[in-house]
Structure formats: C-alpha cells, structure tokens
Amino acid sequence: MLQFRHVVSSLACALALATPVYAGKLAIVIDDFGYRPHQENQVIALPANISVAVLPNAPHSHEMATKAHNAGHEVLIHLPMAPLSKQPLEKDTLRPDMSSAEIERIIRDAVNKVPYAVGLNNHMGSAMTSSLFGMQKVMQSLDQYNLYFLDSVTIGNSQSMRAAAGTKVKVIKRKVFLDDKQNEADIRVQFNRAVALARRNGSAIAIGHPHPTTVRVLQQMVYNLPPDITLVRPSSLLNELQVDTSRPNNTVPGKPAEQPRNPFMGVKLCKPKKPLEPVHATTYFAVLSDSIGESTLVKYMKNQWQGWGQVR
C-alpha cells in the first residue's frame, strides 16, 4: 500500500513539472492602426493573440482591420474622444455635450468603417471618459452592437464602469502604457511591469502604438515570455474581476461647475469711528470676569450647586 502511494505521488509530481502552470494572463493591444501600414504590417506578423485597435477615420482603417482579422488578431475600434487638453482632434471625436443621437451616429459609422471589431477603446478621451453623462450615452449606444469597452484609462476618475451599469456592455481596463517614452529601454521596463502585474493580479492589459521602437521591443520580448505568463486576447478577460475606484462625476456637460458659496458674501465690516486705544490688561480681565459671571451658563451652575448642598 505504501509503495502504491509512493508511485502515485511520484506520478503527480512528474505531471506537475511537465504541465505548464499559467500564473498570469497578459493582453497587449496596439492602438492607432490605420495610418502607418508598414509598421502595422509588422505588428500583424506578431503572434495572433496581440490585438489591434483601428481609428475609424484613418485612411487605411478598413484595409488594416481586414488584414489583422485575416491573420487571427482581435480587432477593436479605437474611437476618438475629447481630451481635457487642447490638441488636434480626429474627425467625429466624441464630446460629453453631444446628443445621444449624434453619439449613436458616430459609433454606427465607426462600426461600418472597422470591420470585424468585437470591442472598442478610447483614443485620448480624458474629458469624455470622466463625464458620467457622456459615457452613459456611449454605453447605451454600444449596447446595441454587442461590443465590449476597453477603458484606456487616460484619466484616473474614468466613469466607464459606472456608465455601463444597466447595460450589457462589459468593461475592462488598461493597466500599463508601453511607450509613453519612445525608447527601447523604457519600453522594456514597461513590458516587464505589465508581466509583473499579470503575475501578481492574474491578468493585465498593456497598450502600445505602432512606433518602430515599440515594434522592435515586441519582436524581441513576446517570443520570450516567462513560462508562467500566457498571451491572451482582451475578450478572454471580460469575466475577470474589475475594481471601480472612480468617484461619481455628475457634472452636466456644458454647465459650469457650481462654485462653493462664500458665507461672508454681502457682510459689511464694521469700521471704528475713531482709532482704537490700547486696553490695559487689568481692565481687560475685569471686564472678562464680569461677562463670564453674568453668563446664563454660570448662573445655571450656581443654582445647581446651591441645590446640591441641600440634598442629604
């Protein structure tokens, strides 16, 4: 019997060593597809589990979305949304003050221009994604298309998860930007950070762009992932636990934020009719003593003390 148990234990250990254990799932999405076919074709040549997000109004959007899909990549719509900063905007950039009808028109047009899309993520968008009213209109429109929403998290207080409540839209979130700094050393650091987050949390989503430096790093690193990390599509993470750390932002678009009320507004200051003379300390304390002695609280305490003296 002991020998049988020893054999079973040995077989179990051998199977554990032979079977890879995936501690973390890493999804990589490359944004801004549709402008640079040369670099984008290099991304398409990478493993199929790397996904691409296509700008709907870019000159090569339909072509690159089709190529990516045919090569096995997951395709997302990279929808322009208004940022807080002043910078050039893509055509049909979503703004919080747009009507539901206008937002529906833009999303419908994007769906027609980016074939095979199964999800959508925001291009820029700090002003839009931080508006609960704006994002509710986006989620209600997405609900008609069975598209998930990948929040690029271009602002910490994104309202995407709150806005999706009551719809069938599933929301997942970006954890790492690979190439805010476009040099290979920094991109490697960010790539390794994404791997560490995937290992620690079970999954992580990293977003990059088709810059030559980013492409070179991916060509080197995606083929040498640690054995406990597996490359996945974002859609495989839709049922992963998502934590919403946002604060409600119910500001109505186009309406200036209400300023805190000044309690002293309209109060006139009393101006002395003649210069004040210094008060001697003895006079000050005498007046203070008389004032305290005549106060309601002190008189009440005196009466109570006299009553207590009569109690046996």
C-alpha atoms as a PDB file:
ATOM      1  CA  MET A   1       0.000   0.000   0.000  1.00  0.00           C
ATOM      2  CA  LEU A   2       2.803   2.395   0.907  1.00  0.00           C
ATOM      3  CA  GLN A   3       4.592   1.537  -2.322  1.00  0.00           C
ATOM      4  CA  PHE A   4       1.394   2.294  -4.318  1.00  0.00           C
ATOM      5  CA  ARG A   5       1.058   5.696  -2.640  1.00  0.00           C
ATOM      6  CA  HIS A   6       4.703   6.454  -3.398  1.00  0.00           C
ATOM      7  CA  VAL A   7       4.144   5.665  -7.095  1.00  0.00           C
ATOM      8  CA  VAL A   8       1.017   7.879  -7.262  1.00  0.00           C
ATOM      9  CA  SER A   9       2.845  10.740  -5.544  1.00  0.00           C
ATOM     10  CA  SER A  10       5.773  10.464  -7.963  1.00  0.00           C
ATOM     11  CA  LEU A  11       3.428  10.492 -10.968  1.00  0.00           C
ATOM     12  CA  ALA A  12       1.638  13.576  -9.632  1.00  0.00           C
ATOM     13  CA  CYS A  13       4.941  15.423  -9.218  1.00  0.00           C
ATOM     14  CA  ALA A  14       6.032  14.459 -12.718  1.00  0.00           C
ATOM     15  CA  LEU A  15       2.753  15.693 -14.202  1.00  0.00           C
ATOM     16  CA  ALA A  16       3.033  18.980 -12.293  1.00  0.00           C
ATOM     17  CA  LEU A  17       6.520  19.528 -13.681  1.00  0.00           C
ATOM     18  CA  ALA A  18       5.513  18.573 -17.211  1.00  0.00           C
ATOM     19  CA  THR A  19       2.350  20.719 -17.343  1.00  0.00           C
ATOM     20  CA  PRO A  20       2.920  24.494 -17.585  1.00  0.00           C
ATOM     21  CA  VAL A  21       1.119  26.477 -14.890  1.00  0.00           C
ATOM     22  CA  TYR A  22      -0.017  29.890 -16.101  1.00  0.00           C
ATOM     23  CA  ALA A  23       0.081  32.312 -13.188  1.00  0.00           C
ATOM     24  CA  GLY A  24      -0.850  35.340 -15.271  1.00  0.00           C
ATOM     25  CA  LYS A  25      -2.592  36.339 -18.498  1.00  0.00           C
ATOM     26  CA  LEU A  26      -1.181  39.257 -20.464  1.00  0.00           C
ATOM     27  CA  ALA A  27      -3.171  41.069 -23.170  1.00  0.00           C
ATOM     28  CA  ILE A  28      -1.409  43.518 -25.497  1.00  0.00           C
ATOM     29  CA  VAL A  29      -3.345  45.984 -27.660  1.00  0.00           C
ATOM     30  CA  ILE A  30      -1.676  48.160 -30.305  1.00  0.00           C
ATOM     31  CA  ASP A  31      -3.623  51.398 -30.868  1.00  0.00           C
ATOM     32  CA  ASP A  32      -3.731  53.934 -33.710  1.00  0.00           C
ATOM     33  CA  PHE A  33      -3.975  51.435 -36.563  1.00  0.00           C
ATOM     34  CA  GLY A  34      -4.857  52.877 -39.955  1.00  0.00           C
ATOM     35  CA  TYR A  35      -2.124  55.455 -40.585  1.00  0.00           C
ATOM     36  CA  ARG A  36       1.157  53.523 -40.879  1.00  0.00           C
ATOM     37  CA  PRO A  37       0.704  50.318 -42.901  1.00  0.00           C
ATOM     38  CA  HIS A  38       4.433  49.474 -42.871  1.00  0.00           C
ATOM     39  CA  GLN A  39       4.750  49.318 -39.066  1.00  0.00           C
ATOM     40  CA  GLU A  40       1.215  47.911 -38.736  1.00  0.00           C
ATOM     41  CA  ASN A  41       2.054  45.010 -41.045  1.00  0.00           C
ATOM     42  CA  GLN A  42       4.976  44.232 -38.734  1.00  0.00           C
ATOM     43  CA  VAL A  43       2.555  44.111 -35.785  1.00  0.00           C
ATOM     44  CA  ILE A  44       0.230  41.830 -37.757  1.00  0.00           C
ATOM     45  CA  ALA A  45       3.204  39.473 -38.283  1.00  0.00           C
ATOM     46  CA  LEU A  46       3.487  39.062 -34.476  1.00  0.00           C
ATOM     47  CA  PRO A  47       1.581  36.322 -32.580  1.00  0.00           C
ATOM     48  CA  ALA A  48      -2.162  36.402 -33.255  1.00  0.00           C
ATOM     49  CA  ASN A  49      -3.061  36.998 -29.601  1.00  0.00           C
ATOM     50  CA  ILE A  50      -1.754  40.555 -29.898  1.00  0.00           C
ATOM     51  CA  SER A  51      -4.799  42.713 -30.654  1.00  0.00           C
ATOM     52  CA  VAL A  52      -5.154  45.890 -32.688  1.00  0.00           C
ATOM     53  CA  ALA A  53      -7.329  49.000 -32.294  1.00  0.00           C
ATOM     54  CA  VAL A  54      -8.191  50.820 -35.518  1.00  0.00           C
ATOM     55  CA  LEU A  55      -9.034  54.529 -35.877  1.00  0.00           C
ATOM     56  CA  PRO A  56     -12.287  54.593 -37.890  1.00  0.00           C
ATOM     57  CA  ASN A  57     -11.449  57.671 -39.975  1.00  0.00           C
ATOM     58  CA  ALA A  58      -7.819  56.805 -40.734  1.00  0.00           C
ATOM     59  CA  PRO A  59      -7.027  56.390 -44.457  1.00  0.00           C
ATOM     60  CA  HIS A  60      -6.210  52.650 -44.155  1.00  0.00           C
ATOM     61  CA  SER A  61      -8.717  51.679 -41.437  1.00  0.00           C
ATOM     62  CA  HIS A  62     -10.779  49.164 -43.442  1.00  0.00           C
ATOM     63  CA  GLU A  63      -7.715  47.614 -45.085  1.00  0.00           C
ATOM     64  CA  MET A  64      -5.758  47.150 -41.836  1.00  0.00           C
ATOM     65  CA  ALA A  65      -8.738  45.878 -39.854  1.00  0.00           C
ATOM     66  CA  THR A  66      -9.377  43.258 -42.534  1.00  0.00           C
ATOM     67  CA  LYS A  67      -5.697  42.247 -42.686  1.00  0.00           C
ATOM     68  CA  ALA A  68      -5.464  41.939 -38.911  1.00  0.00           C
ATOM     69  CA  HIS A  69      -8.627  39.841 -38.703  1.00  0.00           C
ATOM     70  CA  ASN A  70      -7.491  37.527 -41.501  1.00  0.00           C
ATOM     71  CA  ALA A  71      -4.213  36.974 -39.633  1.00  0.00           C
ATOM     72  CA  GLY A  72      -6.141  35.947 -36.497  1.00  0.00           C
ATOM     73  CA  HIS A  73      -5.871  39.142 -34.448  1.00  0.00           C
ATOM     74  CA  GLU A  74      -8.718  40.542 -32.379  1.00  0.00           C
ATOM     75  CA  VAL A  75      -9.879  43.915 -33.751  1.00  0.00           C
ATOM     76  CA  LEU A  76     -11.150  46.865 -31.723  1.00  0.00           C
ATOM     77  CA  ILE A  77     -12.490  50.263 -32.767  1.00  0.00           C
ATOM     78  CA  HIS A  78     -10.160  52.973 -31.489  1.00  0.00           C
ATOM     79  CA  LEU A  79     -12.773  55.690 -31.057  1.00  0.00           C
ATOM     80  CA  PRO A  80     -11.580  59.308 -30.653  1.00  0.00           C
ATOM     81  CA  MET A  81     -12.892  61.011 -27.513  1.00  0.00           C
ATOM     82  CA  ALA A  82     -12.374  64.569 -26.310  1.00  0.00           C
ATOM     83  CA  PRO A  83      -9.368  65.211 -24.041  1.00  0.00           C
ATOM     84  CA  LEU A  84      -9.105  67.855 -21.354  1.00  0.00           C
ATOM     85  CA  SER A  85      -6.012  69.322 -23.015  1.00  0.00           C
ATOM     86  CA  LYS A  86      -6.089  71.427 -26.170  1.00  0.00           C
ATOM     87  CA  GLN A  87      -4.748  69.435 -29.120  1.00  0.00           C
ATOM     88  CA  PRO A  88      -5.694  68.496 -32.690  1.00  0.00           C
ATOM     89  CA  LEU A  89      -8.680  66.148 -32.797  1.00  0.00           C
ATOM     90  CA  GLU A  90      -9.695  63.368 -35.165  1.00  0.00           C
ATOM     91  CA  LYS A  91     -12.876  63.696 -37.174  1.00  0.00           C
ATOM     92  CA  ASP A  92     -16.013  62.762 -35.196  1.00  0.00           C
ATOM     93  CA  THR A  93     -14.360  62.989 -31.786  1.00  0.00           C
ATOM     94  CA  LEU A  94     -16.945  62.272 -29.082  1.00  0.00           C
ATOM     95  CA  ARG A  95     -17.694  65.108 -26.636  1.00  0.00           C
ATOM     96  CA  PRO A  96     -19.728  64.942 -23.411  1.00  0.00           C
ATOM     97  CA  ASP A  97     -22.153  67.632 -24.621  1.00  0.00           C
ATOM     98  CA  MET A  98     -23.146  65.687 -27.764  1.00  0.00           C
ATOM     99  CA  SER A  99     -26.677  64.353 -28.007  1.00  0.00           C
ATOM    100  CA  SER A 100     -27.408  60.640 -27.788  1.00  0.00           C
ATOM    101  CA  ALA A 101     -28.392  60.711 -31.468  1.00  0.00           C
ATOM    102  CA  GLU A 102     -25.052  62.229 -32.524  1.00  0.00           C
ATOM    103  CA  ILE A 103     -23.069  59.727 -30.436  1.00  0.00           C
ATOM    104  CA  GLU A 104     -25.099  56.860 -31.907  1.00  0.00           C
ATOM    105  CA  ARG A 105     -24.410  58.163 -35.430  1.00  0.00           C
ATOM    106  CA  ILE A 106     -20.644  58.334 -34.814  1.00  0.00           C
ATOM    107  CA  ILE A 107     -20.485  54.851 -33.275  1.00  0.00           C
ATOM    108  CA  ARG A 108     -22.631  53.386 -36.083  1.00  0.00           C
ATOM    109  CA  ASP A 109     -20.306  54.979 -38.655  1.00  0.00           C
ATOM    110  CA  ALA A 110     -17.247  53.599 -36.814  1.00  0.00           C
ATOM    111  CA  VAL A 111     -18.699  50.089 -36.754  1.00  0.00           C
ATOM    112  CA  ASN A 112     -19.207  50.281 -40.526  1.00  0.00           C
ATOM    113  CA  LYS A 113     -15.657  51.528 -41.129  1.00  0.00           C
ATOM    114  CA  VAL A 114     -13.850  48.997 -38.891  1.00  0.00           C
ATOM    115  CA  PRO A 115     -14.983  45.501 -39.931  1.00  0.00           C
ATOM    116  CA  TYR A 116     -14.704  42.504 -37.588  1.00  0.00           C
ATOM    117  CA  ALA A 117     -14.482  44.665 -34.442  1.00  0.00           C
ATOM    118  CA  VAL A 118     -15.544  42.920 -31.222  1.00  0.00           C
ATOM    119  CA  GLY A 119     -14.662  45.738 -28.838  1.00  0.00           C
ATOM    120  CA  LEU A 120     -13.999  49.452 -28.605  1.00  0.00           C
ATOM    121  CA  ASN A 121     -11.472  51.533 -26.704  1.00  0.00           C
ATOM    122  CA  ASN A 122     -10.964  55.274 -26.354  1.00  0.00           C
ATOM    123  CA  HIS A 123      -8.391  57.345 -28.246  1.00  0.00           C
ATOM    124  CA  MET A 124      -7.416  60.149 -25.821  1.00  0.00           C
ATOM    125  CA  GLY A 125     -10.699  60.967 -24.048  1.00  0.00           C
ATOM    126  CA  SER A 126      -9.917  62.341 -20.581  1.00  0.00           C
ATOM    127  CA  ALA A 127     -12.780  64.872 -20.842  1.00  0.00           C
ATOM    128  CA  MET A 128     -15.224  62.324 -22.246  1.00  0.00           C
ATOM    129  CA  THR A 129     -14.472  59.320 -20.056  1.00  0.00           C
ATOM    130  CA  SER A 130     -14.538  61.427 -16.883  1.00  0.00           C
ATOM    131  CA  SER A 131     -18.125  62.527 -17.691  1.00  0.00           C
ATOM    132  CA  LEU A 132     -20.764  60.141 -16.369  1.00  0.00           C
ATOM    133  CA  PHE A 133     -23.482  61.679 -18.560  1.00  0.00           C
ATOM    134  CA  GLY A 134     -21.300  61.439 -21.666  1.00  0.00           C
ATOM    135  CA  MET A 135     -20.243  57.847 -21.036  1.00  0.00           C
ATOM    136  CA  GLN A 136     -23.798  56.728 -20.286  1.00  0.00           C
ATOM    137  CA  LYS A 137     -24.725  57.786 -23.819  1.00  0.00           C
ATOM    138  CA  VAL A 138     -21.736  55.837 -25.181  1.00  0.00           C
ATOM    139  CA  MET A 139     -22.646  52.677 -23.255  1.00  0.00           C
ATOM    140  CA  GLN A 140     -26.294  52.848 -24.303  1.00  0.00           C
ATOM    141  CA  SER A 141     -25.166  53.020 -27.920  1.00  0.00           C
ATOM    142  CA  LEU A 142     -22.618  50.195 -27.556  1.00  0.00           C
ATOM    143  CA  ASP A 143     -25.321  48.033 -26.011  1.00  0.00           C
ATOM    144  CA  GLN A 144     -26.876  47.707 -29.481  1.00  0.00           C
ATOM    145  CA  TYR A 145     -23.714  46.223 -31.027  1.00  0.00           C
ATOM    146  CA  ASN A 146     -22.528  43.610 -28.521  1.00  0.00           C
ATOM    147  CA  LEU A 147     -19.153  45.368 -28.222  1.00  0.00           C
ATOM    148  CA  TYR A 148     -17.090  45.347 -25.041  1.00  0.00           C
ATOM    149  CA  PHE A 149     -15.360  48.526 -23.837  1.00  0.00           C
ATOM    150  CA  LEU A 150     -11.652  48.601 -23.077  1.00  0.00           C
ATOM    151  CA  ASP A 151     -11.020  51.681 -20.963  1.00  0.00           C
ATOM    152  CA  SER A 152      -7.633  53.096 -21.920  1.00  0.00           C
ATOM    153  CA  VAL A 153      -7.711  54.937 -18.563  1.00  0.00           C
ATOM    154  CA  THR A 154      -6.376  58.251 -19.832  1.00  0.00           C
ATOM    155  CA  ILE A 155      -7.722  59.814 -16.625  1.00  0.00           C
ATOM    156  CA  GLY A 156      -7.907  58.264 -13.170  1.00  0.00           C
ATOM    157  CA  ASN A 157     -11.542  59.140 -12.496  1.00  0.00           C
ATOM    158  CA  SER A 158     -12.974  57.437 -15.575  1.00  0.00           C
ATOM    159  CA  GLN A 159     -16.721  56.830 -15.325  1.00  0.00           C
ATOM    160  CA  SER A 160     -16.832  53.894 -17.744  1.00  0.00           C
ATOM    161  CA  MET A 161     -17.805  51.218 -15.235  1.00  0.00           C
ATOM    162  CA  ARG A 162     -20.481  53.392 -13.618  1.00  0.00           C
ATOM    163  CA  ALA A 163     -21.854  54.308 -17.023  1.00  0.00           C
ATOM    164  CA  ALA A 164     -22.095  50.657 -18.112  1.00  0.00           C
ATOM    165  CA  ALA A 165     -24.412  49.789 -15.203  1.00  0.00           C
ATOM    166  CA  GLY A 166     -27.802  48.718 -16.541  1.00  0.00           C
ATOM    167  CA  THR A 167     -26.389  47.746 -19.952  1.00  0.00           C
ATOM    168  CA  LYS A 168     -24.916  44.502 -21.280  1.00  0.00           C
ATOM    169  CA  VAL A 169     -21.589  46.221 -22.044  1.00  0.00           C
ATOM    170  CA  LYS A 170     -18.630  44.636 -20.274  1.00  0.00           C
ATOM    171  CA  VAL A 171     -15.784  46.942 -19.249  1.00  0.00           C
ATOM    172  CA  ILE A 172     -12.116  46.024 -18.837  1.00  0.00           C
ATOM    173  CA  LYS A 173      -9.237  48.373 -18.019  1.00  0.00           C
ATOM    174  CA  ARG A 174      -5.752  49.103 -19.272  1.00  0.00           C
ATOM    175  CA  LYS A 175      -3.002  48.652 -16.660  1.00  0.00           C
ATOM    176  CA  VAL A 176       0.171  49.729 -18.494  1.00  0.00           C
ATOM    177  CA  PHE A 177       1.096  52.069 -21.343  1.00  0.00           C
ATOM    178  CA  LEU A 178       4.130  50.554 -23.045  1.00  0.00           C
ATOM    179  CA  ASP A 179       5.512  53.516 -24.951  1.00  0.00           C
ATOM    180  CA  ASP A 180       4.805  56.884 -23.340  1.00  0.00           C
ATOM    181  CA  LYS A 181       8.579  57.218 -23.726  1.00  0.00           C
ATOM    182  CA  GLN A 182       9.639  56.060 -27.145  1.00  0.00           C
ATOM    183  CA  ASN A 183      12.982  54.480 -26.438  1.00  0.00           C
ATOM    184  CA  GLU A 184      13.597  50.756 -26.259  1.00  0.00           C
ATOM    185  CA  ALA A 185      14.950  50.658 -22.709  1.00  0.00           C
ATOM    186  CA  ASP A 186      11.858  52.360 -21.263  1.00  0.00           C
ATOM    187  CA  ILE A 187       9.504  50.210 -23.330  1.00  0.00           C
ATOM    188  CA  ARG A 188      11.210  47.066 -21.990  1.00  0.00           C
ATOM    189  CA  VAL A 189      10.754  48.367 -18.445  1.00  0.00           C
ATOM    190  CA  GLN A 190       7.044  48.896 -19.080  1.00  0.00           C
ATOM    191  CA  PHE A 191       6.699  45.499 -20.741  1.00  0.00           C
ATOM    192  CA  ASN A 192       8.273  43.823 -17.710  1.00  0.00           C
ATOM    193  CA  ARG A 193       5.983  45.862 -15.453  1.00  0.00           C
ATOM    194  CA  ALA A 194       2.976  44.501 -17.340  1.00  0.00           C
ATOM    195  CA  VAL A 195       4.305  40.966 -16.901  1.00  0.00           C
ATOM    196  CA  ALA A 196       4.761  41.538 -13.155  1.00  0.00           C
ATOM    197  CA  LEU A 197       1.212  42.905 -12.814  1.00  0.00           C
ATOM    198  CA  ALA A 198      -0.199  39.930 -14.739  1.00  0.00           C
ATOM    199  CA  ARG A 199       1.667  37.566 -12.424  1.00  0.00           C
ATOM    200  CA  ARG A 200       0.557  39.399  -9.262  1.00  0.00           C
ATOM    201  CA  ASN A 201      -3.085  40.061 -10.200  1.00  0.00           C
ATOM    202  CA  GLY A 202      -3.791  37.154 -12.528  1.00  0.00           C
ATOM    203  CA  SER A 203      -4.132  39.356 -15.616  1.00  0.00           C
ATOM    204  CA  ALA A 204      -3.063  42.697 -17.073  1.00  0.00           C
ATOM    205  CA  ILE A 205      -3.709  44.691 -20.236  1.00  0.00           C
ATOM    206  CA  ALA A 206      -0.917  46.716 -21.843  1.00  0.00           C
ATOM    207  CA  ILE A 207      -1.458  49.263 -24.618  1.00  0.00           C
ATOM    208  CA  GLY A 208       1.163  50.372 -27.123  1.00  0.00           C
ATOM    209  CA  HIS A 209       1.386  52.053 -30.512  1.00  0.00           C
ATOM    210  CA  PRO A 210       2.915  51.067 -33.865  1.00  0.00           C
ATOM    211  CA  HIS A 211       6.113  53.071 -33.363  1.00  0.00           C
ATOM    212  CA  PRO A 212       9.268  51.451 -34.784  1.00  0.00           C
ATOM    213  CA  THR A 213      10.783  51.249 -31.269  1.00  0.00           C
ATOM    214  CA  THR A 214       7.674  49.547 -29.857  1.00  0.00           C
ATOM    215  CA  VAL A 215       7.587  47.067 -32.734  1.00  0.00           C
ATOM    216  CA  ARG A 216      11.267  46.155 -32.198  1.00  0.00           C
ATOM    217  CA  VAL A 217      10.737  45.528 -28.470  1.00  0.00           C
ATOM    218  CA  LEU A 218       7.661  43.386 -29.126  1.00  0.00           C
ATOM    219  CA  GLN A 219       9.538  41.374 -31.753  1.00  0.00           C
ATOM    220  CA  GLN A 220      12.148  40.589 -29.099  1.00  0.00           C
ATOM    221  CA  MET A 221      10.000  40.077 -25.981  1.00  0.00           C
ATOM    222  CA  VAL A 222       6.709  38.409 -26.925  1.00  0.00           C
ATOM    223  CA  TYR A 223       8.574  35.289 -28.018  1.00  0.00           C
ATOM    224  CA  ASN A 224      10.417  35.099 -24.694  1.00  0.00           C
ATOM    225  CA  LEU A 225       7.639  35.416 -22.148  1.00  0.00           C
ATOM    226  CA  PRO A 226       8.216  33.723 -18.780  1.00  0.00           C
ATOM    227  CA  PRO A 227       6.712  30.204 -18.647  1.00  0.00           C
ATOM    228  CA  ASP A 228       4.042  31.288 -16.144  1.00  0.00           C
ATOM    229  CA  ILE A 229       2.705  34.084 -18.401  1.00  0.00           C
ATOM    230  CA  THR A 230       0.436  33.462 -21.367  1.00  0.00           C
ATOM    231  CA  LEU A 231      -0.502  35.955 -24.080  1.00  0.00           C
ATOM    232  CA  VAL A 232      -4.279  36.354 -24.455  1.00  0.00           C
ATOM    233  CA  ARG A 233      -6.871  38.432 -26.286  1.00  0.00           C
ATOM    234  CA  PRO A 234      -8.650  41.149 -24.273  1.00  0.00           C
ATOM    235  CA  SER A 235     -12.004  39.437 -24.810  1.00  0.00           C
ATOM    236  CA  SER A 236     -10.763  36.470 -22.761  1.00  0.00           C
ATOM    237  CA  LEU A 237     -10.557  38.795 -19.727  1.00  0.00           C
ATOM    238  CA  LEU A 238     -14.172  40.017 -19.813  1.00  0.00           C
ATOM    239  CA  ASN A 239     -15.138  37.860 -16.841  1.00  0.00           C
ATOM    240  CA  GLU A 240     -12.103  38.823 -14.750  1.00  0.00           C
ATOM    241  CA  LEU A 241     -12.837  40.827 -11.598  1.00  0.00           C
ATOM    242  CA  GLN A 242     -12.733  44.573 -12.325  1.00  0.00           C
ATOM    243  CA  VAL A 243     -12.413  47.088  -9.484  1.00  0.00           C
ATOM    244  CA  ASP A 244     -14.035  50.509  -9.901  1.00  0.00           C
ATOM    245  CA  THR A 245     -12.069  53.129  -7.962  1.00  0.00           C
ATOM    246  CA  SER A 246     -13.794  56.142  -9.538  1.00  0.00           C
ATOM    247  CA  ARG A 247     -15.766  58.862  -7.759  1.00  0.00           C
ATOM    248  CA  PRO A 248     -19.179  59.865  -9.163  1.00  0.00           C
ATOM    249  CA  ASN A 249     -18.960  62.793 -11.580  1.00  0.00           C
ATOM    250  CA  ASN A 250     -22.483  64.051 -12.241  1.00  0.00           C
ATOM    251  CA  THR A 251     -21.493  67.405 -13.739  1.00  0.00           C
ATOM    252  CA  VAL A 252     -23.887  68.255 -16.560  1.00  0.00           C
ATOM    253  CA  PRO A 253     -21.922  68.840 -19.812  1.00  0.00           C
ATOM    254  CA  GLY A 254     -21.870  72.492 -20.851  1.00  0.00           C
ATOM    255  CA  LYS A 255     -22.918  73.733 -17.402  1.00  0.00           C
ATOM    256  CA  PRO A 256     -20.181  75.434 -15.373  1.00  0.00           C
ATOM    257  CA  ALA A 257     -19.384  73.698 -12.131  1.00  0.00           C
ATOM    258  CA  GLU A 258     -21.074  75.319  -9.147  1.00  0.00           C
ATOM    259  CA  GLN A 259     -18.657  77.306  -7.036  1.00  0.00           C
ATOM    260  CA  PRO A 260     -18.710  76.868  -3.254  1.00  0.00           C
ATOM    261  CA  ARG A 261     -20.809  79.513  -1.540  1.00  0.00           C
ATOM    262  CA  ASN A 262     -18.923  82.229   0.365  1.00  0.00           C
ATOM    263  CA  PRO A 263     -20.688  82.582   3.758  1.00  0.00           C
ATOM    264  CA  PHE A 264     -19.266  86.081   4.205  1.00  0.00           C
ATOM    265  CA  MET A 265     -20.529  87.388   0.858  1.00  0.00           C
ATOM    266  CA  GLY A 266     -22.543  90.603   1.397  1.00  0.00           C
ATOM    267  CA  VAL A 267     -21.479  91.043   5.019  1.00  0.00           C
ATOM    268  CA  LYS A 268     -20.306  94.590   5.764  1.00  0.00           C
ATOM    269  CA  LEU A 269     -17.405  95.057   8.082  1.00  0.00           C
ATOM    270  CA  CYS A 270     -17.920  97.474  10.974  1.00  0.00           C
ATOM    271  CA  LYS A 271     -15.419 100.300  10.771  1.00  0.00           C
ATOM    272  CA  PRO A 272     -14.402 102.053  14.025  1.00  0.00           C
ATOM    273  CA  LYS A 273     -15.318 105.727  14.111  1.00  0.00           C
ATOM    274  CA  LYS A 274     -12.074 106.646  15.852  1.00  0.00           C
ATOM    275  CA  PRO A 275      -8.727 104.959  16.333  1.00  0.00           C
ATOM    276  CA  LEU A 276      -8.835 102.226  18.949  1.00  0.00           C
ATOM    277  CA  GLU A 277      -6.898 102.817  22.145  1.00  0.00           C
ATOM    278  CA  PRO A 278      -4.920 100.006  23.783  1.00  0.00           C
ATOM    279  CA  VAL A 279      -6.730  98.303  26.690  1.00  0.00           C
ATOM    280  CA  HIS A 280      -4.796  97.693  29.924  1.00  0.00           C
ATOM    281  CA  ALA A 281      -4.573  94.019  30.938  1.00  0.00           C
ATOM    282  CA  THR A 282      -6.220  94.636  34.358  1.00  0.00           C
ATOM    283  CA  THR A 283      -9.220  96.315  32.757  1.00  0.00           C
ATOM    284  CA  TYR A 284      -9.437  93.542  30.154  1.00  0.00           C
ATOM    285  CA  PHE A 285      -9.591  90.715  32.719  1.00  0.00           C
ATOM    286  CA  ALA A 286     -12.038  92.614  34.948  1.00  0.00           C
ATOM    287  CA  VAL A 287     -14.453  93.040  32.056  1.00  0.00           C
ATOM    288  CA  LEU A 288     -13.958  89.400  31.051  1.00  0.00           C
ATOM    289  CA  SER A 289     -14.672  88.221  34.631  1.00  0.00           C
ATOM    290  CA  ASP A 290     -17.874  90.283  34.850  1.00  0.00           C
ATOM    291  CA  SER A 291     -19.001  88.972  31.477  1.00  0.00           C
ATOM    292  CA  ILE A 292     -18.450  85.352  32.472  1.00  0.00           C
ATOM    293  CA  GLY A 293     -20.116  85.874  35.869  1.00  0.00           C
ATOM    294  CA  GLU A 294     -23.260  87.228  34.218  1.00  0.00           C
ATOM    295  CA  SER A 295     -23.483  84.456  31.611  1.00  0.00           C
ATOM    296  CA  THR A 296     -26.515  82.142  31.620  1.00  0.00           C
ATOM    297  CA  LEU A 297     -24.341  79.034  31.950  1.00  0.00           C
ATOM    298  CA  VAL A 298     -22.534  80.281  35.073  1.00  0.00           C
ATOM    299  CA  LYS A 299     -25.820  81.362  36.736  1.00  0.00           C
ATOM    300  CA  TYR A 300     -27.301  77.942  35.984  1.00  0.00           C
ATOM    301  CA  MET A 301     -24.283  76.161  37.539  1.00  0.00           C
ATOM    302  CA  LYS A 302     -24.563  78.345  40.675  1.00  0.00           C
ATOM    303  CA  ASN A 303     -28.218  77.408  41.128  1.00  0.00           C
ATOM    304  CA  GLN A 304     -27.440  73.742  40.645  1.00  0.00           C
ATOM    305  CA  TRP A 305     -24.602  73.887  43.160  1.00  0.00           C
ATOM    306  CA  GLN A 306     -26.887  75.515  45.774  1.00  0.00           C
ATOM    307  CA  GLY A 307     -29.485  72.786  45.191  1.00  0.00           C
ATOM    308  CA  TRP A 308     -26.907  70.041  45.617  1.00  0.00           C
ATOM    309  CA  GLY A 309     -25.917  71.497  49.033  1.00  0.00           C
ATOM    310  CA  GLN A 310     -29.455  70.863  50.384  1.00  0.00           C
ATOM    311  CA  VAL A 311     -29.555  67.197  49.313  1.00  0.00           C
ATOM    312  CA  ARG A 312     -28.819  64.635  52.081  1.00  0.00           C
END
